[in-house]
Amino acid sequence: MSTINKTDKIFVAGHRGLVGSAIVRNLESKGYKNIITRTHSELDLKEQQAVRDFFAKEKPDVVVLAAAKVGGINANNKYPAEFAYENMQIQCNVIHCAHLNGVKKLLFLGSTCIYPRLAPQPIPEGALLTGPLEETNEAYAIAKISGLKMCQFYKREYGDDFISCMPTNLYGPWDNYDLLGSHVMPAMIRKFHEAKASGSETVELWGTGSALREFLYVDDMADACVFLLENYSGEQHVNIGTGVEVTIRELAETVKDIVGFKGRIVWNPDMPDGTPRKLTDVTRLHALGWHHKVELKEGVKLAYEWFKDNADIARM
């Protein structure tokens, strides 16, 4: 197993996003100071030659691949070609260049949407590729499966210490609050907040509210990622989650209460629910010694406070 050191040069790809920014915060809090980042305008990870030049010049010791094209059901449904192409380009370029330049440790971040639509619940890592995917995010899921398989293949063929983790639904600072592309939690926070501010009597939410989901505060996710960088080198990808689930209806009531919206929720059953249930089996992660700290209600409060304080710079 490759040991990462406080002096290592660590490249965090996607440092401005929900995931990458949290990982940078966690690394810095643990004393890792030699962190390098690039904005999209400085380095387009889809451009092979640009990525090759970057790695050849900077020679990072450690890479965290948190850069991705992401979005909710609406965006995934509408732009499947872009979700497949852009994510595969990013992954292929970064993982291969990490190999060519002798990166000693790479962490690839996927998503639990890689699992079959009707996977056993809670979903163990071994459920991968055992059934059809959820159609509404199939393109993104296939891209992420390709990325984790690449890490396994480079480890198998070359001995590269490239590992993968699959976080559950995330939320927190620097989330995407654009209603056309956001996930369920930030969409609810924004909708309830704006309805409260405008004095609206109702808020419309998609689906029936019956789908079951698991939510992980993003700073917990980042802590798990750094824990894996420091303690794990297995070929098997690792789920990151809480092992606790709620219905979307229960989540809506929680967010509504914390935001302080007094009106009514109107469910639109003509819009999709997505996968009926998605709970991760975190037995492997717990066995390694990591557990989440932030429970849902506390996490929603933290996320809403951040949203209120940063509405002018949040992705809206």
C-alpha atoms as a PDB file:
ATOM      1  CA  MET A   1       0.000   0.000   0.000  1.00  0.00           C
ATOM      2  CA  SER A   2       1.266   3.451  -0.923  1.00  0.00           C
ATOM      3  CA  THR A   3       1.427   5.793   2.066  1.00  0.00           C
ATOM      4  CA  ILE A   4       0.472   9.401   1.465  1.00  0.00           C
ATOM      5  CA  ASN A   5       2.474  12.048   3.310  1.00  0.00           C
ATOM      6  CA  LYS A   6       1.733  15.595   4.448  1.00  0.00           C
ATOM      7  CA  THR A   7       4.369  16.864   2.006  1.00  0.00           C
ATOM      8  CA  ASP A   8       2.949  15.068  -1.048  1.00  0.00           C
ATOM      9  CA  LYS A   9       1.808  17.179  -3.977  1.00  0.00           C
ATOM     10  CA  ILE A  10      -1.919  16.415  -4.217  1.00  0.00           C
ATOM     11  CA  PHE A  11      -3.926  17.317  -7.321  1.00  0.00           C
ATOM     12  CA  VAL A  12      -7.640  17.650  -6.580  1.00  0.00           C
ATOM     13  CA  ALA A  13      -9.493  17.653  -9.899  1.00  0.00           C
ATOM     14  CA  GLY A  14     -12.857  19.369  -9.572  1.00  0.00           C
ATOM     15  CA  HIS A  15     -11.936  21.497  -6.540  1.00  0.00           C
ATOM     16  CA  ARG A  16     -14.718  24.032  -7.088  1.00  0.00           C
ATOM     17  CA  GLY A  17     -17.550  21.507  -6.941  1.00  0.00           C
ATOM     18  CA  LEU A  18     -19.518  20.151  -4.016  1.00  0.00           C
ATOM     19  CA  VAL A  19     -17.232  17.110  -3.659  1.00  0.00           C
ATOM     20  CA  GLY A  20     -13.840  18.555  -4.557  1.00  0.00           C
ATOM     21  CA  SER A  21     -14.154  21.652  -2.375  1.00  0.00           C
ATOM     22  CA  ALA A  22     -15.030  19.489   0.636  1.00  0.00           C
ATOM     23  CA  ILE A  23     -12.024  17.234   0.011  1.00  0.00           C
ATOM     24  CA  VAL A  24      -9.714  20.257  -0.187  1.00  0.00           C
ATOM     25  CA  ARG A  25     -11.128  21.546   3.126  1.00  0.00           C
ATOM     26  CA  ASN A  26     -10.586  18.168   4.768  1.00  0.00           C
ATOM     27  CA  LEU A  27      -7.043  17.732   3.452  1.00  0.00           C
ATOM     28  CA  GLU A  28      -6.087  21.209   4.666  1.00  0.00           C
ATOM     29  CA  SER A  29      -7.624  20.575   8.082  1.00  0.00           C
ATOM     30  CA  LYS A  30      -5.438  17.468   8.414  1.00  0.00           C
ATOM     31  CA  GLY A  31      -2.222  19.311   7.547  1.00  0.00           C
ATOM     32  CA  TYR A  32      -1.866  18.557   3.827  1.00  0.00           C
ATOM     33  CA  LYS A  33      -0.607  21.873   2.484  1.00  0.00           C
ATOM     34  CA  ASN A  34       0.813  21.013  -0.948  1.00  0.00           C
ATOM     35  CA  ILE A  35      -2.525  20.924  -2.779  1.00  0.00           C
ATOM     36  CA  ILE A  36      -2.703  21.939  -6.423  1.00  0.00           C
ATOM     37  CA  THR A  37      -5.878  22.804  -8.310  1.00  0.00           C
ATOM     38  CA  ARG A  38      -6.899  24.076 -11.720  1.00  0.00           C
ATOM     39  CA  THR A  39     -10.110  25.755 -12.816  1.00  0.00           C
ATOM     40  CA  HIS A  40     -11.845  24.536 -15.963  1.00  0.00           C
ATOM     41  CA  SER A  41     -10.574  27.575 -17.867  1.00  0.00           C
ATOM     42  CA  GLU A  42      -7.003  26.795 -16.768  1.00  0.00           C
ATOM     43  CA  LEU A  43      -7.193  23.074 -17.586  1.00  0.00           C
ATOM     44  CA  ASP A  44      -9.938  21.369 -19.591  1.00  0.00           C
ATOM     45  CA  LEU A  45      -9.717  17.760 -18.436  1.00  0.00           C
ATOM     46  CA  LYS A  46     -11.509  16.632 -21.605  1.00  0.00           C
ATOM     47  CA  GLU A  47      -8.506  17.741 -23.695  1.00  0.00           C
ATOM     48  CA  GLN A  48      -5.974  14.908 -23.774  1.00  0.00           C
ATOM     49  CA  GLN A  49      -2.899  16.951 -24.698  1.00  0.00           C
ATOM     50  CA  ALA A  50      -3.635  19.591 -22.069  1.00  0.00           C
ATOM     51  CA  VAL A  51      -3.894  16.906 -19.387  1.00  0.00           C
ATOM     52  CA  ARG A  52      -0.688  15.231 -20.605  1.00  0.00           C
ATOM     53  CA  ASP A  53       1.159  18.558 -20.453  1.00  0.00           C
ATOM     54  CA  PHE A  54      -0.182  19.326 -16.982  1.00  0.00           C
ATOM     55  CA  PHE A  55       0.913  15.975 -15.515  1.00  0.00           C
ATOM     56  CA  ALA A  56       4.316  16.115 -17.190  1.00  0.00           C
ATOM     57  CA  LYS A  57       4.954  19.577 -15.740  1.00  0.00           C
ATOM     58  CA  GLU A  58       3.415  19.280 -12.258  1.00  0.00           C
ATOM     59  CA  LYS A  59       4.182  15.608 -11.462  1.00  0.00           C
ATOM     60  CA  PRO A  60       1.616  15.211  -8.653  1.00  0.00           C
ATOM     61  CA  ASP A  61       2.216  12.448  -6.103  1.00  0.00           C
ATOM     62  CA  VAL A  62      -1.477  11.938  -5.353  1.00  0.00           C
ATOM     63  CA  VAL A  63      -4.588  12.540  -7.474  1.00  0.00           C
ATOM     64  CA  VAL A  64      -8.185  12.880  -6.322  1.00  0.00           C
ATOM     65  CA  LEU A  65     -10.501  12.645  -9.334  1.00  0.00           C
ATOM     66  CA  ALA A  66     -13.624  14.505  -8.244  1.00  0.00           C
ATOM     67  CA  ALA A  67     -14.205  16.323 -11.539  1.00  0.00           C
ATOM     68  CA  ALA A  68     -17.310  15.220 -13.426  1.00  0.00           C
ATOM     69  CA  LYS A  69     -20.338  16.413 -15.342  1.00  0.00           C
ATOM     70  CA  VAL A  70     -23.146  15.891 -12.850  1.00  0.00           C
ATOM     71  CA  GLY A  71     -26.853  16.647 -12.566  1.00  0.00           C
ATOM     72  CA  GLY A  72     -30.247  15.449 -11.434  1.00  0.00           C
ATOM     73  CA  ILE A  73     -32.890  13.374 -13.201  1.00  0.00           C
ATOM     74  CA  ASN A  74     -33.862  16.181 -15.585  1.00  0.00           C
ATOM     75  CA  ALA A  75     -30.312  16.878 -16.787  1.00  0.00           C
ATOM     76  CA  ASN A  76     -29.389  13.197 -17.045  1.00  0.00           C
ATOM     77  CA  ASN A  77     -32.518  12.464 -19.061  1.00  0.00           C
ATOM     78  CA  LYS A  78     -32.046  15.386 -21.421  1.00  0.00           C
ATOM     79  CA  TYR A  79     -28.294  15.178 -22.145  1.00  0.00           C
ATOM     80  CA  PRO A  80     -27.221  11.500 -21.983  1.00  0.00           C
ATOM     81  CA  ALA A  81     -24.638  11.835 -24.775  1.00  0.00           C
ATOM     82  CA  GLU A  82     -22.908  14.716 -23.007  1.00  0.00           C
ATOM     83  CA  PHE A  83     -22.935  12.884 -19.669  1.00  0.00           C
ATOM     84  CA  ALA A  84     -21.350   9.796 -21.247  1.00  0.00           C
ATOM     85  CA  TYR A  85     -18.806  11.584 -23.448  1.00  0.00           C
ATOM     86  CA  GLU A  86     -17.574  14.259 -21.043  1.00  0.00           C
ATOM     87  CA  ASN A  87     -17.195  11.962 -18.033  1.00  0.00           C
ATOM     88  CA  MET A  88     -15.403   9.267 -20.016  1.00  0.00           C
ATOM     89  CA  GLN A  89     -13.039  11.847 -21.534  1.00  0.00           C
ATOM     90  CA  ILE A  90     -12.142  13.253 -18.113  1.00  0.00           C
ATOM     91  CA  GLN A  91     -11.605   9.818 -16.572  1.00  0.00           C
ATOM     92  CA  CYS A  92      -9.567   8.356 -19.431  1.00  0.00           C
ATOM     93  CA  ASN A  93      -7.266  11.363 -19.606  1.00  0.00           C
ATOM     94  CA  VAL A  94      -6.627  11.724 -15.864  1.00  0.00           C
ATOM     95  CA  ILE A  95      -6.286   8.026 -14.986  1.00  0.00           C
ATOM     96  CA  HIS A  96      -3.994   7.240 -17.916  1.00  0.00           C
ATOM     97  CA  CYS A  97      -1.798  10.309 -17.336  1.00  0.00           C
ATOM     98  CA  ALA A  98      -1.588   9.438 -13.637  1.00  0.00           C
ATOM     99  CA  HIS A  99      -0.231   6.047 -14.697  1.00  0.00           C
ATOM    100  CA  LEU A 100       2.224   7.480 -17.231  1.00  0.00           C
ATOM    101  CA  ASN A 101       3.631   9.937 -14.688  1.00  0.00           C
ATOM    102  CA  GLY A 102       4.060   7.547 -11.771  1.00  0.00           C
ATOM    103  CA  VAL A 103       1.335   8.922  -9.488  1.00  0.00           C
ATOM    104  CA  LYS A 104       1.628   6.829  -6.325  1.00  0.00           C
ATOM    105  CA  LYS A 105      -2.036   7.051  -5.261  1.00  0.00           C
ATOM    106  CA  LEU A 106      -5.240   7.949  -7.088  1.00  0.00           C
ATOM    107  CA  LEU A 107      -8.765   8.094  -5.711  1.00  0.00           C
ATOM    108  CA  PHE A 108     -11.598   7.950  -8.233  1.00  0.00           C
ATOM    109  CA  LEU A 109     -15.008   9.138  -7.062  1.00  0.00           C
ATOM    110  CA  GLY A 110     -18.070   7.559  -8.575  1.00  0.00           C
ATOM    111  CA  SER A 111     -21.655   7.398  -7.407  1.00  0.00           C
ATOM    112  CA  THR A 112     -24.065   4.794  -6.106  1.00  0.00           C
ATOM    113  CA  CYS A 113     -26.100   5.255  -9.301  1.00  0.00           C
ATOM    114  CA  ILE A 114     -23.676   2.686 -10.794  1.00  0.00           C
ATOM    115  CA  TYR A 115     -25.777  -0.077  -9.241  1.00  0.00           C
ATOM    116  CA  PRO A 116     -28.725  -1.859 -10.898  1.00  0.00           C
ATOM    117  CA  ARG A 117     -32.126  -0.208 -10.592  1.00  0.00           C
ATOM    118  CA  LEU A 118     -33.455  -3.181  -8.630  1.00  0.00           C
ATOM    119  CA  ALA A 119     -30.281  -4.027  -6.724  1.00  0.00           C
ATOM    120  CA  PRO A 120     -30.589  -5.807  -3.370  1.00  0.00           C
ATOM    121  CA  GLN A 121     -31.049  -3.368  -0.489  1.00  0.00           C
ATOM    122  CA  PRO A 122     -28.869  -2.265   1.210  1.00  0.00           C
ATOM    123  CA  ILE A 123     -26.649  -2.330  -1.890  1.00  0.00           C
ATOM    124  CA  PRO A 124     -23.335  -4.189  -1.442  1.00  0.00           C
ATOM    125  CA  GLU A 125     -20.340  -3.430  -3.629  1.00  0.00           C
ATOM    126  CA  GLY A 126     -20.801  -6.865  -5.220  1.00  0.00           C
ATOM    127  CA  ALA A 127     -24.131  -5.826  -6.772  1.00  0.00           C
ATOM    128  CA  LEU A 128     -22.265  -4.005  -9.555  1.00  0.00           C
ATOM    129  CA  LEU A 129     -23.175  -5.243 -13.070  1.00  0.00           C
ATOM    130  CA  THR A 130     -25.766  -7.739 -11.843  1.00  0.00           C
ATOM    131  CA  GLY A 131     -28.808  -6.126 -13.526  1.00  0.00           C
ATOM    132  CA  PRO A 132     -30.171  -3.280 -15.682  1.00  0.00           C
ATOM    133  CA  LEU A 133     -29.420   0.305 -14.661  1.00  0.00           C
ATOM    134  CA  GLU A 134     -31.917   3.039 -13.843  1.00  0.00           C
ATOM    135  CA  GLU A 135     -32.746   4.540 -17.260  1.00  0.00           C
ATOM    136  CA  THR A 136     -32.902   8.135 -16.043  1.00  0.00           C
ATOM    137  CA  ASN A 137     -29.167   8.221 -15.222  1.00  0.00           C
ATOM    138  CA  GLU A 138     -27.846   5.334 -17.327  1.00  0.00           C
ATOM    139  CA  ALA A 139     -25.283   7.410 -19.257  1.00  0.00           C
ATOM    140  CA  TYR A 140     -23.675   8.819 -16.104  1.00  0.00           C
ATOM    141  CA  ALA A 141     -23.705   5.408 -14.431  1.00  0.00           C
ATOM    142  CA  ILE A 142     -21.994   3.705 -17.381  1.00  0.00           C
ATOM    143  CA  ALA A 143     -19.306   6.388 -17.420  1.00  0.00           C
ATOM    144  CA  LYS A 144     -18.657   5.950 -13.699  1.00  0.00           C
ATOM    145  CA  ILE A 145     -18.554   2.157 -14.010  1.00  0.00           C
ATOM    146  CA  SER A 146     -15.927   2.618 -16.736  1.00  0.00           C
ATOM    147  CA  GLY A 147     -13.861   4.796 -14.408  1.00  0.00           C
ATOM    148  CA  LEU A 148     -13.836   2.380 -11.498  1.00  0.00           C
ATOM    149  CA  LYS A 149     -13.060  -0.514 -13.851  1.00  0.00           C
ATOM    150  CA  MET A 150     -10.136   1.446 -15.302  1.00  0.00           C
ATOM    151  CA  CYS A 151      -8.715   1.841 -11.790  1.00  0.00           C
ATOM    152  CA  GLN A 152      -9.054  -1.915 -11.235  1.00  0.00           C
ATOM    153  CA  PHE A 153      -7.428  -2.708 -14.590  1.00  0.00           C
ATOM    154  CA  TYR A 154      -4.466  -0.355 -14.044  1.00  0.00           C
ATOM    155  CA  LYS A 155      -3.961  -1.864 -10.588  1.00  0.00           C
ATOM    156  CA  ARG A 156      -4.193  -5.397 -12.002  1.00  0.00           C
ATOM    157  CA  GLU A 157      -1.929  -4.845 -15.005  1.00  0.00           C
ATOM    158  CA  TYR A 158       0.592  -2.325 -13.664  1.00  0.00           C
ATOM    159  CA  GLY A 159       0.249  -2.480  -9.874  1.00  0.00           C
ATOM    160  CA  ASP A 160      -0.886   1.160  -9.711  1.00  0.00           C
ATOM    161  CA  ASP A 161      -2.402   2.098  -6.341  1.00  0.00           C
ATOM    162  CA  PHE A 162      -5.599   3.460  -7.895  1.00  0.00           C
ATOM    163  CA  ILE A 163      -8.683   3.089  -5.680  1.00  0.00           C
ATOM    164  CA  SER A 164     -12.370   3.962  -6.100  1.00  0.00           C
ATOM    165  CA  CYS A 165     -15.187   4.991  -3.808  1.00  0.00           C
ATOM    166  CA  MET A 166     -18.902   5.331  -4.460  1.00  0.00           C
ATOM    167  CA  PRO A 167     -20.560   8.017  -2.310  1.00  0.00           C
ATOM    168  CA  THR A 168     -24.311   8.039  -1.787  1.00  0.00           C
ATOM    169  CA  ASN A 169     -26.450  11.183  -2.338  1.00  0.00           C
ATOM    170  CA  LEU A 170     -24.450  14.185  -1.144  1.00  0.00           C
ATOM    171  CA  TYR A 171     -25.405  17.686  -0.039  1.00  0.00           C
ATOM    172  CA  GLY A 172     -23.802  20.676   1.655  1.00  0.00           C
ATOM    173  CA  PRO A 173     -21.657  23.756   0.860  1.00  0.00           C
ATOM    174  CA  TRP A 174     -21.130  24.570  -2.850  1.00  0.00           C
ATOM    175  CA  ASP A 175     -23.993  22.339  -3.973  1.00  0.00           C
ATOM    176  CA  ASN A 176     -25.792  23.050  -7.266  1.00  0.00           C
ATOM    177  CA  TYR A 177     -29.012  25.020  -6.697  1.00  0.00           C
ATOM    178  CA  ASP A 178     -29.970  25.391 -10.372  1.00  0.00           C
ATOM    179  CA  LEU A 179     -33.429  23.824 -10.526  1.00  0.00           C
ATOM    180  CA  LEU A 180     -32.843  22.530 -14.065  1.00  0.00           C
ATOM    181  CA  GLY A 181     -29.788  20.517 -13.054  1.00  0.00           C
ATOM    182  CA  SER A 182     -29.771  20.082  -9.296  1.00  0.00           C
ATOM    183  CA  HIS A 183     -30.343  17.049  -7.135  1.00  0.00           C
ATOM    184  CA  VAL A 184     -33.292  16.644  -4.795  1.00  0.00           C
ATOM    185  CA  MET A 185     -31.896  18.181  -1.581  1.00  0.00           C
ATOM    186  CA  PRO A 186     -30.674  21.538  -2.968  1.00  0.00           C
ATOM    187  CA  ALA A 187     -33.783  21.784  -5.150  1.00  0.00           C
ATOM    188  CA  MET A 188     -35.978  21.449  -2.048  1.00  0.00           C
ATOM    189  CA  ILE A 189     -33.924  23.961  -0.061  1.00  0.00           C
ATOM    190  CA  ARG A 190     -34.200  26.546  -2.816  1.00  0.00           C
ATOM    191  CA  LYS A 191     -37.896  25.922  -3.526  1.00  0.00           C
ATOM    192  CA  PHE A 192     -38.937  26.178   0.128  1.00  0.00           C
ATOM    193  CA  HIS A 193     -36.703  29.207   0.715  1.00  0.00           C
ATOM    194  CA  GLU A 194     -38.080  31.111  -2.275  1.00  0.00           C
ATOM    195  CA  ALA A 195     -41.659  30.130  -1.463  1.00  0.00           C
ATOM    196  CA  LYS A 196     -41.203  31.401   2.092  1.00  0.00           C
ATOM    197  CA  ALA A 197     -39.683  34.664   0.834  1.00  0.00           C
ATOM    198  CA  SER A 198     -42.464  35.250  -1.712  1.00  0.00           C
ATOM    199  CA  GLY A 199     -45.293  34.261   0.604  1.00  0.00           C
ATOM    200  CA  SER A 200     -46.398  31.414  -1.651  1.00  0.00           C
ATOM    201  CA  GLU A 201     -48.923  28.996  -0.189  1.00  0.00           C
ATOM    202  CA  THR A 202     -47.666  25.889  -2.009  1.00  0.00           C
ATOM    203  CA  VAL A 203     -44.482  24.241  -3.225  1.00  0.00           C
ATOM    204  CA  GLU A 204     -44.602  21.659  -6.002  1.00  0.00           C
ATOM    205  CA  LEU A 205     -42.227  18.704  -5.748  1.00  0.00           C
ATOM    206  CA  TRP A 206     -41.605  15.964  -8.295  1.00  0.00           C
ATOM    207  CA  GLY A 207     -42.944  12.432  -8.073  1.00  0.00           C
ATOM    208  CA  THR A 208     -44.960  10.785  -5.341  1.00  0.00           C
ATOM    209  CA  GLY A 209     -42.528  11.218  -2.463  1.00  0.00           C
ATOM    210  CA  SER A 210     -42.437   7.456  -1.903  1.00  0.00           C
ATOM    211  CA  ALA A 211     -38.887   6.817  -3.163  1.00  0.00           C
ATOM    212  CA  LEU A 212     -36.357   5.952  -0.455  1.00  0.00           C
ATOM    213  CA  ARG A 213     -32.993   7.718  -0.383  1.00  0.00           C
ATOM    214  CA  GLU A 214     -29.884   7.997   1.759  1.00  0.00           C
ATOM    215  CA  PHE A 215     -28.138  11.337   2.256  1.00  0.00           C
ATOM    216  CA  LEU A 216     -24.578  12.062   3.370  1.00  0.00           C
ATOM    217  CA  TYR A 217     -23.290  15.493   4.395  1.00  0.00           C
ATOM    218  CA  VAL A 218     -20.457  16.342   2.028  1.00  0.00           C
ATOM    219  CA  ASP A 219     -17.863  17.064   4.738  1.00  0.00           C
ATOM    220  CA  ASP A 220     -18.433  13.545   6.089  1.00  0.00           C
ATOM    221  CA  MET A 221     -17.886  12.208   2.569  1.00  0.00           C
ATOM    222  CA  ALA A 222     -14.621  14.159   2.295  1.00  0.00           C
ATOM    223  CA  ASP A 223     -13.437  12.771   5.628  1.00  0.00           C
ATOM    224  CA  ALA A 224     -14.130   9.237   4.372  1.00  0.00           C
ATOM    225  CA  CYS A 225     -12.206   9.933   1.152  1.00  0.00           C
ATOM    226  CA  VAL A 226      -9.108  11.119   2.987  1.00  0.00           C
ATOM    227  CA  PHE A 227      -9.443   8.146   5.345  1.00  0.00           C
ATOM    228  CA  LEU A 228      -9.393   5.803   2.324  1.00  0.00           C
ATOM    229  CA  LEU A 229      -6.389   7.602   0.814  1.00  0.00           C
ATOM    230  CA  GLU A 230      -4.550   7.050   4.079  1.00  0.00           C
ATOM    231  CA  ASN A 231      -5.727   3.506   4.853  1.00  0.00           C
ATOM    232  CA  TYR A 232      -6.956   1.601   1.791  1.00  0.00           C
ATOM    233  CA  SER A 233      -5.416   0.068  -1.323  1.00  0.00           C
ATOM    234  CA  GLY A 234      -7.869  -2.660  -2.315  1.00  0.00           C
ATOM    235  CA  GLU A 235      -9.024  -3.369  -5.847  1.00  0.00           C
ATOM    236  CA  GLN A 236     -12.675  -3.476  -4.714  1.00  0.00           C
ATOM    237  CA  HIS A 237     -14.450  -0.094  -4.799  1.00  0.00           C
ATOM    238  CA  VAL A 238     -15.862   1.085  -1.449  1.00  0.00           C
ATOM    239  CA  ASN A 239     -19.329   2.471  -0.740  1.00  0.00           C
ATOM    240  CA  ILE A 240     -19.479   5.706   1.267  1.00  0.00           C
ATOM    241  CA  GLY A 241     -22.742   6.416   3.050  1.00  0.00           C
ATOM    242  CA  THR A 242     -24.630   6.452   6.325  1.00  0.00           C
ATOM    243  CA  GLY A 243     -26.614   3.222   5.996  1.00  0.00           C
ATOM    244  CA  VAL A 244     -29.719   5.263   6.979  1.00  0.00           C
ATOM    245  CA  GLU A 245     -32.619   6.015   4.591  1.00  0.00           C
ATOM    246  CA  VAL A 246     -35.675   8.280   4.459  1.00  0.00           C
ATOM    247  CA  THR A 247     -38.532   8.688   2.005  1.00  0.00           C
ATOM    248  CA  ILE A 248     -38.444  11.764  -0.203  1.00  0.00           C
ATOM    249  CA  ARG A 249     -41.676  12.788   1.533  1.00  0.00           C
ATOM    250  CA  GLU A 250     -39.954  12.624   4.951  1.00  0.00           C
ATOM    251  CA  LEU A 251     -37.005  14.582   3.583  1.00  0.00           C
ATOM    252  CA  ALA A 252     -39.364  17.249   2.250  1.00  0.00           C
ATOM    253  CA  GLU A 253     -41.003  17.660   5.661  1.00  0.00           C
ATOM    254  CA  THR A 254     -37.584  17.977   7.311  1.00  0.00           C
ATOM    255  CA  VAL A 255     -36.372  20.621   4.838  1.00  0.00           C
ATOM    256  CA  LYS A 256     -39.707  22.464   5.028  1.00  0.00           C
ATOM    257  CA  ASP A 257     -39.479  22.667   8.837  1.00  0.00           C
ATOM    258  CA  ILE A 258     -35.849  23.818   8.874  1.00  0.00           C
ATOM    259  CA  VAL A 259     -36.444  26.482   6.208  1.00  0.00           C
ATOM    260  CA  GLY A 260     -39.583  27.593   8.036  1.00  0.00           C
ATOM    261  CA  PHE A 261     -42.041  27.345   5.121  1.00  0.00           C
ATOM    262  CA  LYS A 262     -45.599  27.242   6.470  1.00  0.00           C
ATOM    263  CA  GLY A 263     -47.491  26.370   3.288  1.00  0.00           C
ATOM    264  CA  ARG A 264     -48.471  23.106   1.599  1.00  0.00           C
ATOM    265  CA  ILE A 265     -46.457  20.598  -0.403  1.00  0.00           C
ATOM    266  CA  VAL A 266     -48.041  19.534  -3.703  1.00  0.00           C
ATOM    267  CA  TRP A 267     -46.646  16.335  -5.217  1.00  0.00           C
ATOM    268  CA  ASN A 268     -46.604  15.975  -9.016  1.00  0.00           C
ATOM    269  CA  PRO A 269     -46.940  12.245  -9.786  1.00  0.00           C
ATOM    270  CA  ASP A 270     -46.516  12.928 -13.525  1.00  0.00           C
ATOM    271  CA  MET A 271     -42.812  13.565 -12.874  1.00  0.00           C
ATOM    272  CA  PRO A 272     -40.405  10.637 -12.267  1.00  0.00           C
ATOM    273  CA  ASP A 273     -39.478   9.257  -8.864  1.00  0.00           C
ATOM    274  CA  GLY A 274     -36.261   7.701 -10.169  1.00  0.00           C
ATOM    275  CA  THR A 275     -34.957   4.506  -8.572  1.00  0.00           C
ATOM    276  CA  PRO A 276     -37.534   3.229  -6.029  1.00  0.00           C
ATOM    277  CA  ARG A 277     -34.975   2.660  -3.281  1.00  0.00           C
ATOM    278  CA  LYS A 278     -31.249   3.265  -2.959  1.00  0.00           C
ATOM    279  CA  LEU A 279     -29.483   2.485   0.303  1.00  0.00           C
ATOM    280  CA  THR A 280     -25.810   1.587   0.441  1.00  0.00           C
ATOM    281  CA  ASP A 281     -24.343  -1.287   2.400  1.00  0.00           C
ATOM    282  CA  VAL A 282     -21.474   0.394   4.266  1.00  0.00           C
ATOM    283  CA  THR A 283     -20.267  -2.753   6.049  1.00  0.00           C
ATOM    284  CA  ARG A 284     -16.890  -2.616   4.277  1.00  0.00           C
ATOM    285  CA  LEU A 285     -16.294   1.029   5.217  1.00  0.00           C
ATOM    286  CA  HIS A 286     -17.340   0.435   8.830  1.00  0.00           C
ATOM    287  CA  ALA A 287     -15.010  -2.572   9.010  1.00  0.00           C
ATOM    288  CA  LEU A 288     -12.138  -0.349   7.872  1.00  0.00           C
ATOM    289  CA  GLY A 289     -12.910   1.945  10.810  1.00  0.00           C
ATOM    290  CA  TRP A 290     -14.869   4.910   9.426  1.00  0.00           C
ATOM    291  CA  HIS A 291     -18.396   6.053  10.393  1.00  0.00           C
ATOM    292  CA  HIS A 292     -20.369   9.188   9.501  1.00  0.00           C
ATOM    293  CA  LYS A 293     -20.789  11.945  12.099  1.00  0.00           C
ATOM    294  CA  VAL A 294     -23.421  14.382  10.770  1.00  0.00           C
ATOM    295  CA  GLU A 295     -27.042  13.218  11.014  1.00  0.00           C
ATOM    296  CA  LEU A 296     -29.653  14.383   8.487  1.00  0.00           C
ATOM    297  CA  LYS A 297     -31.402  17.122  10.472  1.00  0.00           C
ATOM    298  CA  GLU A 298     -28.111  18.715  11.540  1.00  0.00           C
ATOM    299  CA  GLY A 299     -26.803  18.434   7.978  1.00  0.00           C
ATOM    300  CA  VAL A 300     -29.860  20.125   6.449  1.00  0.00           C
ATOM    301  CA  LYS A 301     -29.488  22.986   8.948  1.00  0.00           C
ATOM    302  CA  LEU A 302     -25.836  23.406   7.968  1.00  0.00           C
ATOM    303  CA  ALA A 303     -26.673  23.263   4.256  1.00  0.00           C
ATOM    304  CA  TYR A 304     -29.471  25.829   4.596  1.00  0.00           C
ATOM    305  CA  GLU A 305     -27.297  28.212   6.606  1.00  0.00           C
ATOM    306  CA  TRP A 306     -24.638  28.009   3.898  1.00  0.00           C
ATOM    307  CA  PHE A 307     -27.242  28.626   1.178  1.00  0.00           C
ATOM    308  CA  LYS A 308     -28.619  31.707   2.946  1.00  0.00           C
ATOM    309  CA  ASP A 309     -25.143  33.124   3.575  1.00  0.00           C
ATOM    310  CA  ASN A 310     -23.886  32.424   0.038  1.00  0.00           C
ATOM    311  CA  ALA A 311     -26.919  32.922  -2.216  1.00  0.00           C
ATOM    312  CA  ASP A 312     -24.972  35.474  -4.273  1.00  0.00           C
ATOM    313  CA  ILE A 313     -22.233  32.964  -5.177  1.00  0.00           C
ATOM    314  CA  ALA A 314     -24.220  29.686  -5.088  1.00  0.00           C
ATOM    315  CA  ARG A 315     -24.810  27.918  -8.387  1.00  0.00           C
ATOM    316  CA  MET A 316     -28.356  29.081  -9.119  1.00  0.00           C
END
